[in-house]
């Protein structure tokens, strides 16, 4: 039996590449959540007119990895103290956000934020939101694996994947 987690922490390509390498993760889909408009396009999201966040929808086996462990990885691979940005990626679509799928996930998200806040120099600005998930265009799916030599992949995504593999060895496939 699978469960779903929906997380936004900057560019969805980065989170996708990381969570594809996590034990117990069956599938990662890039998309949008927290939107004002149904079925947004990437162009609309980038224009800032939708209020969507770039997110990943993670299908996982809770017998192999828990939701709390996914959140631990999530907070360890992006900067949850940056408001509406991750590094050079700036805009509300790059906000740090959690979209819980049930009350238990919402409670787990609140608890981990409370637990981790003292460990950061700045306050965690990750939001806990409700919102429908919309799958991103097909060319956004499996992006890092199909474009490993593209500039953004080399400069931004590859170092994040390396950081994950170094800091979360026990969760890597």
N, C-alpha and C. Protein backbone atom coordinates (compact mmCIF):
# COMPACT_ATOMS: atom_id res chain seq x y z
N UNK A 1 0.84 -1.19 0.00
CA UNK A 1 0.00 0.00 0.00
C UNK A 1 0.88 1.24 0.00
N UNK A 2 0.66 2.13 -0.93
CA UNK A 2 1.44 3.35 -1.05
C UNK A 2 0.76 4.53 -0.38
N UNK A 3 1.58 5.52 -0.04
CA UNK A 3 1.08 6.81 0.42
C UNK A 3 1.67 7.88 -0.49
N UNK A 4 1.16 9.10 -0.36
CA UNK A 4 1.61 10.21 -1.19
C UNK A 4 2.05 11.37 -0.30
N UNK A 5 3.15 11.98 -0.68
CA UNK A 5 3.63 13.23 -0.06
C UNK A 5 3.77 14.25 -1.17
N UNK A 6 3.37 15.50 -0.90
CA UNK A 6 3.55 16.57 -1.87
C UNK A 6 4.35 17.68 -1.21
N UNK A 7 5.53 17.96 -1.79
CA UNK A 7 6.49 18.89 -1.20
C UNK A 7 7.01 19.88 -2.25
N UNK A 8 7.19 21.12 -1.82
CA UNK A 8 7.77 22.13 -2.68
C UNK A 8 8.96 22.78 -1.98
N UNK A 9 10.10 22.75 -2.63
CA UNK A 9 11.30 23.32 -2.03
C UNK A 9 12.22 23.88 -3.10
N UNK A 10 11.72 24.85 -3.86
CA UNK A 10 12.50 25.39 -4.95
C UNK A 10 12.12 24.70 -6.24
N UNK A 11 13.05 24.59 -7.14
CA UNK A 11 12.81 23.97 -8.44
C UNK A 11 12.44 22.50 -8.28
N UNK A 12 11.36 22.10 -8.93
CA UNK A 12 10.94 20.70 -8.78
C UNK A 12 11.94 19.71 -9.35
N UNK A 13 12.75 20.13 -10.32
CA UNK A 13 13.76 19.23 -10.87
C UNK A 13 14.73 18.75 -9.79
N UNK A 14 15.08 19.66 -8.86
CA UNK A 14 16.02 19.31 -7.80
C UNK A 14 15.43 18.27 -6.86
N UNK A 15 14.22 18.53 -6.38
CA UNK A 15 13.59 17.57 -5.45
C UNK A 15 13.33 16.24 -6.13
N UNK A 16 12.91 16.29 -7.39
CA UNK A 16 12.66 15.05 -8.12
C UNK A 16 13.92 14.19 -8.16
N UNK A 17 15.06 14.79 -8.53
CA UNK A 17 16.31 14.05 -8.65
C UNK A 17 16.71 13.41 -7.32
N UNK A 18 16.46 14.11 -6.23
CA UNK A 18 16.81 13.58 -4.91
C UNK A 18 15.86 12.45 -4.51
N UNK A 19 14.56 12.71 -4.56
CA UNK A 19 13.61 11.70 -4.08
C UNK A 19 13.54 10.46 -4.96
N UNK A 20 13.96 10.56 -6.22
CA UNK A 20 14.06 9.36 -7.06
C UNK A 20 15.13 8.41 -6.52
N UNK A 21 16.03 8.90 -5.70
CA UNK A 21 17.13 8.11 -5.18
C UNK A 21 16.90 7.64 -3.74
N UNK A 22 15.68 7.78 -3.24
CA UNK A 22 15.34 7.42 -1.87
C UNK A 22 14.69 6.04 -1.83
N UNK A 23 15.21 5.19 -0.94
CA UNK A 23 14.63 3.86 -0.72
C UNK A 23 13.16 4.00 -0.35
N UNK A 24 12.32 3.16 -0.93
CA UNK A 24 10.91 3.17 -0.61
C UNK A 24 10.09 4.12 -1.46
N UNK A 25 10.75 4.99 -2.22
CA UNK A 25 10.03 5.88 -3.12
C UNK A 25 9.78 5.13 -4.42
N UNK A 26 8.52 5.03 -4.79
CA UNK A 26 8.13 4.29 -5.99
C UNK A 26 8.08 5.18 -7.22
N UNK A 27 7.65 6.44 -7.02
CA UNK A 27 7.44 7.32 -8.17
C UNK A 27 7.51 8.77 -7.70
N UNK A 28 8.08 9.64 -8.55
CA UNK A 28 8.12 11.07 -8.28
C UNK A 28 7.59 11.78 -9.54
N UNK A 29 6.61 12.65 -9.33
CA UNK A 29 6.01 13.40 -10.44
C UNK A 29 6.16 14.89 -10.15
N UNK A 30 6.69 15.62 -11.12
CA UNK A 30 6.80 17.07 -10.99
C UNK A 30 5.47 17.72 -11.31
N UNK A 31 5.15 18.76 -10.55
CA UNK A 31 3.90 19.45 -10.81
C UNK A 31 3.77 20.74 -10.03
N UNK A 32 2.53 21.15 -9.86
CA UNK A 32 2.21 22.42 -9.22
C UNK A 32 1.11 22.20 -8.18
N UNK A 33 1.15 22.98 -7.12
CA UNK A 33 0.09 22.93 -6.10
C UNK A 33 -0.03 24.31 -5.47
N UNK A 34 -1.14 24.52 -4.78
CA UNK A 34 -1.38 25.83 -4.16
C UNK A 34 -1.77 26.88 -5.18
N UNK A 35 -2.40 26.45 -6.26
CA UNK A 35 -2.70 27.32 -7.40
C UNK A 35 -4.06 28.00 -7.29
N UNK A 36 -4.14 29.17 -7.90
CA UNK A 36 -5.41 29.88 -8.05
C UNK A 36 -6.15 29.42 -9.29
N UNK A 37 -5.45 28.80 -10.21
CA UNK A 37 -6.01 28.44 -11.51
C UNK A 37 -5.84 26.94 -11.72
N UNK A 38 -6.85 26.31 -12.30
CA UNK A 38 -6.78 24.88 -12.59
C UNK A 38 -5.88 24.63 -13.81
N UNK A 39 -5.18 23.50 -13.77
CA UNK A 39 -4.33 23.06 -14.87
C UNK A 39 -3.41 24.16 -15.42
N UNK A 40 -2.59 24.75 -14.55
CA UNK A 40 -1.70 25.82 -15.01
C UNK A 40 -0.61 25.29 -15.92
N UNK A 41 -0.10 26.16 -16.75
CA UNK A 41 1.05 25.83 -17.59
C UNK A 41 2.31 26.36 -16.92
N UNK A 42 3.44 25.85 -17.32
CA UNK A 42 4.72 26.31 -16.78
C UNK A 42 4.89 27.81 -17.04
N UNK A 43 4.50 28.24 -18.22
CA UNK A 43 4.62 29.66 -18.57
C UNK A 43 3.79 30.52 -17.61
N UNK A 44 2.58 30.08 -17.28
CA UNK A 44 1.73 30.83 -16.35
C UNK A 44 2.33 30.83 -14.94
N UNK A 45 2.86 29.69 -14.54
CA UNK A 45 3.48 29.59 -13.21
C UNK A 45 4.67 30.53 -13.12
N UNK A 46 5.53 30.52 -14.13
CA UNK A 46 6.72 31.39 -14.13
C UNK A 46 6.36 32.87 -14.18
N UNK A 47 5.22 33.20 -14.78
CA UNK A 47 4.77 34.60 -14.85
C UNK A 47 4.26 35.09 -13.51
N UNK A 48 4.04 34.16 -12.57
CA UNK A 48 3.61 34.54 -11.23
C UNK A 48 2.13 34.85 -11.10
N UNK A 49 1.34 34.49 -12.10
CA UNK A 49 -0.09 34.82 -12.06
C UNK A 49 -0.95 33.72 -11.42
N UNK A 50 -0.35 32.59 -11.11
CA UNK A 50 -1.14 31.45 -10.61
C UNK A 50 -1.02 31.23 -9.11
N UNK A 51 0.04 31.76 -8.50
CA UNK A 51 0.37 31.52 -7.09
C UNK A 51 0.72 30.05 -6.82
N UNK A 52 0.98 29.28 -7.88
CA UNK A 52 1.37 27.88 -7.74
C UNK A 52 2.77 27.78 -7.15
N UNK A 53 3.02 26.68 -6.47
CA UNK A 53 4.37 26.30 -6.06
C UNK A 53 4.80 25.14 -6.95
N UNK A 54 6.05 25.13 -7.35
CA UNK A 54 6.60 23.94 -8.02
C UNK A 54 6.75 22.88 -6.94
N UNK A 55 6.20 21.71 -7.18
CA UNK A 55 6.20 20.64 -6.18
C UNK A 55 6.53 19.30 -6.80
N UNK A 56 6.82 18.35 -5.93
CA UNK A 56 6.93 16.95 -6.35
C UNK A 56 5.86 16.15 -5.60
N UNK A 57 5.25 15.26 -6.33
CA UNK A 57 4.30 14.30 -5.75
C UNK A 57 5.07 13.00 -5.62
N UNK A 58 5.26 12.57 -4.39
CA UNK A 58 6.08 11.39 -4.10
C UNK A 58 5.18 10.24 -3.68
N UNK A 59 5.21 9.17 -4.43
CA UNK A 59 4.50 7.95 -4.04
C UNK A 59 5.52 7.07 -3.33
N UNK A 60 5.21 6.69 -2.08
CA UNK A 60 6.20 5.94 -1.30
C UNK A 60 5.55 4.80 -0.53
N UNK A 61 6.39 3.85 -0.14
CA UNK A 61 5.97 2.70 0.65
C UNK A 61 6.28 3.00 2.11
N UNK A 62 5.26 3.25 2.94
CA UNK A 62 5.51 3.61 4.33
C UNK A 62 6.12 2.48 5.16
N UNK A 63 6.16 1.27 4.61
CA UNK A 63 6.84 0.17 5.31
C UNK A 63 8.35 0.26 5.14
N UNK A 64 8.78 1.03 4.13
CA UNK A 64 10.21 1.18 3.85
C UNK A 64 10.73 2.53 4.36
N UNK A 65 9.94 3.59 4.14
CA UNK A 65 10.32 4.93 4.58
C UNK A 65 9.06 5.65 5.06
N UNK A 66 9.19 6.32 6.17
CA UNK A 66 8.03 7.01 6.74
C UNK A 66 7.91 8.42 6.17
N UNK A 67 6.74 8.99 6.34
CA UNK A 67 6.51 10.38 5.94
C UNK A 67 7.46 11.30 6.71
N UNK A 68 7.65 11.04 7.98
CA UNK A 68 8.56 11.85 8.80
C UNK A 68 9.98 11.79 8.26
N UNK A 69 10.42 10.62 7.80
CA UNK A 69 11.76 10.49 7.22
C UNK A 69 11.86 11.28 5.90
N UNK A 70 10.79 11.26 5.11
CA UNK A 70 10.78 12.06 3.88
C UNK A 70 10.91 13.55 4.21
N UNK A 71 10.21 13.97 5.28
CA UNK A 71 10.32 15.38 5.69
C UNK A 71 11.72 15.71 6.18
N UNK A 72 12.34 14.77 6.87
CA UNK A 72 13.72 14.97 7.35
C UNK A 72 14.65 15.21 6.15
N UNK A 73 14.49 14.41 5.11
CA UNK A 73 15.29 14.59 3.89
C UNK A 73 14.96 15.94 3.25
N UNK A 74 13.68 16.23 3.12
CA UNK A 74 13.21 17.48 2.52
C UNK A 74 13.87 18.68 3.19
N UNK A 75 13.85 18.73 4.52
CA UNK A 75 14.44 19.87 5.22
C UNK A 75 15.96 19.87 5.17
N UNK A 76 16.55 18.73 4.86
CA UNK A 76 18.00 18.64 4.78
C UNK A 76 18.59 18.95 3.41
N UNK A 77 17.73 19.02 2.38
CA UNK A 77 18.26 19.21 1.02
C UNK A 77 17.89 20.56 0.39
N UNK A 78 17.14 21.38 1.13
CA UNK A 78 16.87 22.74 0.65
C UNK A 78 16.91 23.68 1.85
N UNK A 79 16.89 24.97 1.59
CA UNK A 79 16.94 25.95 2.68
C UNK A 79 15.53 26.44 2.99
N UNK A 80 14.92 25.91 4.05
CA UNK A 80 13.54 26.28 4.38
C UNK A 80 13.41 27.66 5.02
N UNK A 81 14.53 28.38 5.12
CA UNK A 81 14.48 29.73 5.71
C UNK A 81 14.45 30.82 4.64
N UNK A 82 14.53 30.44 3.38
CA UNK A 82 14.49 31.42 2.30
C UNK A 82 13.05 31.60 1.84
N UNK A 83 12.55 32.82 1.89
CA UNK A 83 11.18 33.10 1.51
C UNK A 83 11.07 33.27 -0.01
N UNK A 84 10.23 32.43 -0.61
CA UNK A 84 9.93 32.51 -2.05
C UNK A 84 11.17 32.45 -2.93
N UNK A 85 12.10 31.58 -2.54
CA UNK A 85 13.30 31.40 -3.36
C UNK A 85 14.09 30.20 -2.88
N UNK A 86 14.97 29.73 -3.75
CA UNK A 86 16.04 28.80 -3.42
C UNK A 86 17.21 29.24 -4.27
N UNK A 87 18.20 29.80 -3.63
CA UNK A 87 19.37 30.30 -4.37
C UNK A 87 18.97 31.34 -5.38
N UNK A 88 19.35 31.12 -6.65
CA UNK A 88 19.06 32.08 -7.72
C UNK A 88 17.64 31.95 -8.26
N UNK A 89 16.93 30.89 -7.87
CA UNK A 89 15.54 30.72 -8.31
C UNK A 89 14.65 31.54 -7.39
N UNK A 90 14.05 32.60 -7.93
CA UNK A 90 13.29 33.54 -7.12
C UNK A 90 11.85 33.65 -7.63
N UNK A 91 10.90 33.64 -6.71
CA UNK A 91 9.49 33.79 -7.05
C UNK A 91 8.65 32.91 -6.14
N UNK A 92 7.37 33.21 -6.03
CA UNK A 92 6.51 32.43 -5.14
C UNK A 92 6.42 30.96 -5.56
N UNK A 93 6.68 30.68 -6.83
CA UNK A 93 6.63 29.27 -7.27
C UNK A 93 7.77 28.45 -6.67
N UNK A 94 8.79 29.12 -6.12
CA UNK A 94 9.93 28.41 -5.52
C UNK A 94 9.85 28.37 -4.00
N UNK A 95 8.68 28.68 -3.44
CA UNK A 95 8.54 28.70 -1.99
C UNK A 95 8.69 27.30 -1.41
N UNK A 96 9.05 27.28 -0.15
CA UNK A 96 9.14 26.03 0.60
C UNK A 96 7.75 25.76 1.16
N UNK A 97 7.15 24.64 0.75
CA UNK A 97 5.77 24.36 1.14
C UNK A 97 5.53 22.86 1.26
N UNK A 98 4.66 22.53 2.18
CA UNK A 98 4.22 21.15 2.38
C UNK A 98 2.72 21.12 2.16
N UNK A 99 2.26 20.15 1.39
CA UNK A 99 0.84 19.99 1.10
C UNK A 99 0.39 18.64 1.67
N UNK A 100 0.02 18.62 2.97
CA UNK A 100 -0.35 17.36 3.61
C UNK A 100 -1.58 16.74 2.97
N UNK A 101 -1.58 15.42 2.93
CA UNK A 101 -2.68 14.68 2.32
C UNK A 101 -3.70 14.19 3.33
N UNK A 102 -3.39 14.38 4.61
CA UNK A 102 -4.33 13.97 5.66
C UNK A 102 -3.91 14.67 6.96
N UNK A 103 -4.75 14.60 7.99
CA UNK A 103 -4.43 15.28 9.26
C UNK A 103 -3.13 14.77 9.92
N UNK A 104 -2.81 13.49 9.74
CA UNK A 104 -1.58 12.94 10.33
C UNK A 104 -0.35 13.58 9.68
N UNK A 105 -0.39 13.76 8.36
CA UNK A 105 0.74 14.40 7.69
C UNK A 105 0.85 15.87 8.12
N UNK A 106 -0.27 16.53 8.28
CA UNK A 106 -0.24 17.93 8.71
C UNK A 106 0.39 18.05 10.09
N UNK A 107 0.01 17.16 10.99
CA UNK A 107 0.57 17.17 12.35
C UNK A 107 2.07 16.87 12.32
N UNK A 108 2.47 15.90 11.50
CA UNK A 108 3.89 15.56 11.38
C UNK A 108 4.69 16.75 10.85
N UNK A 109 4.13 17.48 9.89
CA UNK A 109 4.81 18.65 9.33
C UNK A 109 4.99 19.73 10.39
N UNK A 110 3.94 19.99 11.15
CA UNK A 110 4.03 21.00 12.21
C UNK A 110 5.08 20.62 13.25
N UNK A 111 5.11 19.35 13.62
CA UNK A 111 6.06 18.88 14.63
C UNK A 111 7.51 19.00 14.15
N UNK A 112 7.77 18.64 12.91
CA UNK A 112 9.16 18.70 12.44
C UNK A 112 9.62 20.15 12.30
N UNK A 113 8.73 21.04 11.88
CA UNK A 113 9.10 22.46 11.79
C UNK A 113 9.43 22.99 13.19
N UNK A 114 8.61 22.64 14.15
CA UNK A 114 8.85 23.07 15.53
C UNK A 114 10.18 22.51 16.06
N UNK A 115 10.45 21.25 15.74
CA UNK A 115 11.68 20.59 16.18
C UNK A 115 12.92 21.19 15.52
N UNK A 116 12.83 21.51 14.21
CA UNK A 116 14.00 21.96 13.47
C UNK A 116 14.26 23.46 13.55
N UNK A 117 13.25 24.25 13.86
CA UNK A 117 13.42 25.71 13.89
C UNK A 117 14.64 26.16 14.68
N UNK A 118 14.88 25.63 15.90
CA UNK A 118 16.05 26.08 16.66
C UNK A 118 17.40 25.72 16.02
N UNK A 119 17.41 24.79 15.08
CA UNK A 119 18.66 24.35 14.46
C UNK A 119 19.10 25.25 13.31
N UNK A 120 18.23 26.15 12.88
CA UNK A 120 18.56 27.07 11.79
C UNK A 120 18.85 28.46 12.35
N UNK A 121 19.74 29.19 11.68
CA UNK A 121 20.06 30.56 12.08
C UNK A 121 18.85 31.49 11.91
N UNK A 122 18.09 31.25 10.86
CA UNK A 122 16.89 32.03 10.58
C UNK A 122 15.66 31.15 10.75
N UNK A 123 14.51 31.79 10.92
CA UNK A 123 13.26 31.06 11.13
C UNK A 123 12.85 30.30 9.86
N UNK A 124 12.33 29.10 10.03
CA UNK A 124 11.79 28.32 8.92
C UNK A 124 10.54 29.03 8.41
N UNK A 125 10.47 29.24 7.09
CA UNK A 125 9.32 29.91 6.48
C UNK A 125 8.47 28.95 5.65
N UNK A 126 8.75 27.66 5.76
CA UNK A 126 7.98 26.65 5.05
C UNK A 126 6.51 26.77 5.44
N UNK A 127 5.65 26.81 4.43
CA UNK A 127 4.22 26.90 4.68
C UNK A 127 3.60 25.50 4.64
N UNK A 128 2.51 25.36 5.35
CA UNK A 128 1.70 24.14 5.29
C UNK A 128 0.40 24.57 4.64
N UNK A 129 0.15 24.05 3.46
CA UNK A 129 -0.96 24.52 2.63
C UNK A 129 -1.84 23.36 2.16
N UNK A 130 -3.02 23.71 1.74
CA UNK A 130 -3.91 22.78 1.07
C UNK A 130 -3.92 23.17 -0.40
N UNK A 131 -4.12 22.22 -1.26
CA UNK A 131 -4.19 22.55 -2.68
C UNK A 131 -4.11 21.32 -3.54
N UNK A 132 -4.81 21.40 -4.64
CA UNK A 132 -4.83 20.30 -5.60
C UNK A 132 -3.49 20.23 -6.33
N UNK A 133 -3.09 19.02 -6.69
CA UNK A 133 -1.86 18.78 -7.45
C UNK A 133 -2.19 18.75 -8.93
N UNK A 134 -1.36 19.42 -9.73
CA UNK A 134 -1.47 19.39 -11.19
C UNK A 134 -0.14 18.94 -11.74
N UNK A 135 -0.15 17.90 -12.55
CA UNK A 135 1.09 17.39 -13.14
C UNK A 135 1.67 18.42 -14.11
N UNK A 136 2.99 18.61 -14.03
CA UNK A 136 3.68 19.51 -14.96
C UNK A 136 3.79 18.85 -16.33
N UNK A 137 4.13 19.66 -17.30
CA UNK A 137 4.29 19.19 -18.66
C UNK A 137 5.29 18.03 -18.71
N UNK A 138 5.13 17.18 -19.70
CA UNK A 138 5.93 15.96 -19.81
C UNK A 138 7.43 16.25 -19.86
N UNK A 139 7.85 17.33 -20.51
CA UNK A 139 9.28 17.60 -20.63
C UNK A 139 9.93 17.94 -19.28
N UNK A 140 9.12 18.18 -18.24
CA UNK A 140 9.66 18.43 -16.90
C UNK A 140 9.89 17.13 -16.12
N UNK A 141 9.34 16.03 -16.59
CA UNK A 141 9.41 14.77 -15.85
C UNK A 141 10.77 14.10 -16.06
N UNK A 142 11.31 13.52 -14.99
CA UNK A 142 12.58 12.80 -15.03
C UNK A 142 13.70 13.68 -15.62
N UNK A 143 13.66 14.94 -15.28
CA UNK A 143 14.49 15.93 -15.95
C UNK A 143 15.99 15.72 -15.78
N UNK A 144 16.43 15.58 -14.56
CA UNK A 144 17.88 15.43 -14.30
C UNK A 144 18.43 14.17 -14.96
N UNK A 145 17.68 13.07 -14.87
CA UNK A 145 18.16 11.81 -15.44
C UNK A 145 18.26 11.85 -16.95
N UNK A 146 17.40 12.64 -17.60
CA UNK A 146 17.42 12.70 -19.06
C UNK A 146 18.26 13.87 -19.60
N UNK A 147 18.66 14.79 -18.72
CA UNK A 147 19.45 15.96 -19.14
C UNK A 147 20.65 16.19 -18.22
N UNK A 148 21.42 15.17 -17.90
CA UNK A 148 22.46 15.32 -16.88
C UNK A 148 23.55 16.32 -17.23
N UNK A 149 23.74 16.62 -18.50
CA UNK A 149 24.83 17.52 -18.89
C UNK A 149 24.34 18.94 -19.18
N UNK A 150 23.05 19.18 -19.00
CA UNK A 150 22.50 20.53 -19.15
C UNK A 150 23.10 21.39 -18.04
N UNK A 151 23.34 22.66 -18.31
CA UNK A 151 24.02 23.55 -17.36
C UNK A 151 23.40 23.59 -15.98
N UNK A 152 22.09 23.80 -15.89
CA UNK A 152 21.41 23.87 -14.60
C UNK A 152 21.57 22.55 -13.83
N UNK A 153 21.51 21.46 -14.56
CA UNK A 153 21.67 20.14 -13.92
C UNK A 153 23.06 19.99 -13.32
N UNK A 154 24.08 20.43 -14.06
CA UNK A 154 25.46 20.32 -13.60
C UNK A 154 25.74 21.24 -12.42
N UNK A 155 25.28 22.49 -12.51
CA UNK A 155 25.64 23.51 -11.52
C UNK A 155 24.76 23.49 -10.28
N UNK A 156 23.46 23.20 -10.44
CA UNK A 156 22.53 23.29 -9.32
C UNK A 156 22.08 21.91 -8.80
N UNK A 157 21.61 21.06 -9.70
CA UNK A 157 21.01 19.80 -9.25
C UNK A 157 22.07 18.78 -8.80
N UNK A 158 23.11 18.58 -9.58
CA UNK A 158 24.12 17.57 -9.24
C UNK A 158 24.71 17.79 -7.84
N UNK A 159 25.05 19.03 -7.45
CA UNK A 159 25.56 19.22 -6.09
C UNK A 159 24.53 18.89 -5.00
N UNK A 160 23.25 19.16 -5.27
CA UNK A 160 22.21 18.82 -4.29
C UNK A 160 22.06 17.30 -4.15
N UNK A 161 22.15 16.60 -5.28
CA UNK A 161 22.08 15.13 -5.23
C UNK A 161 23.29 14.59 -4.46
N UNK A 162 24.46 15.14 -4.71
CA UNK A 162 25.67 14.71 -4.00
C UNK A 162 25.53 14.97 -2.50
N UNK A 163 24.97 16.11 -2.13
CA UNK A 163 24.76 16.44 -0.72
C UNK A 163 23.80 15.43 -0.08
N UNK A 164 22.73 15.10 -0.80
CA UNK A 164 21.80 14.08 -0.30
C UNK A 164 22.53 12.75 -0.07
N UNK A 165 23.28 12.31 -1.07
CA UNK A 165 23.96 11.02 -0.98
C UNK A 165 24.98 11.00 0.15
N UNK A 166 25.58 12.14 0.43
CA UNK A 166 26.55 12.23 1.52
C UNK A 166 25.87 12.28 2.89
N UNK A 167 24.83 13.08 3.02
CA UNK A 167 24.19 13.31 4.32
C UNK A 167 23.08 12.33 4.68
N UNK A 168 22.56 11.62 3.70
CA UNK A 168 21.44 10.71 3.95
C UNK A 168 21.70 9.32 3.35
N UNK A 169 22.93 8.84 3.51
CA UNK A 169 23.33 7.54 2.95
C UNK A 169 22.35 6.42 3.29
N UNK A 170 21.86 6.46 4.53
CA UNK A 170 20.97 5.37 4.98
C UNK A 170 19.65 5.32 4.24
N UNK A 171 19.29 6.41 3.56
CA UNK A 171 18.03 6.45 2.81
C UNK A 171 18.22 6.26 1.32
N UNK A 172 19.46 6.23 0.86
CA UNK A 172 19.73 6.14 -0.59
C UNK A 172 19.53 4.72 -1.09
N UNK A 173 19.00 4.66 -2.32
CA UNK A 173 18.80 3.36 -3.00
C UNK A 173 20.14 2.77 -3.34
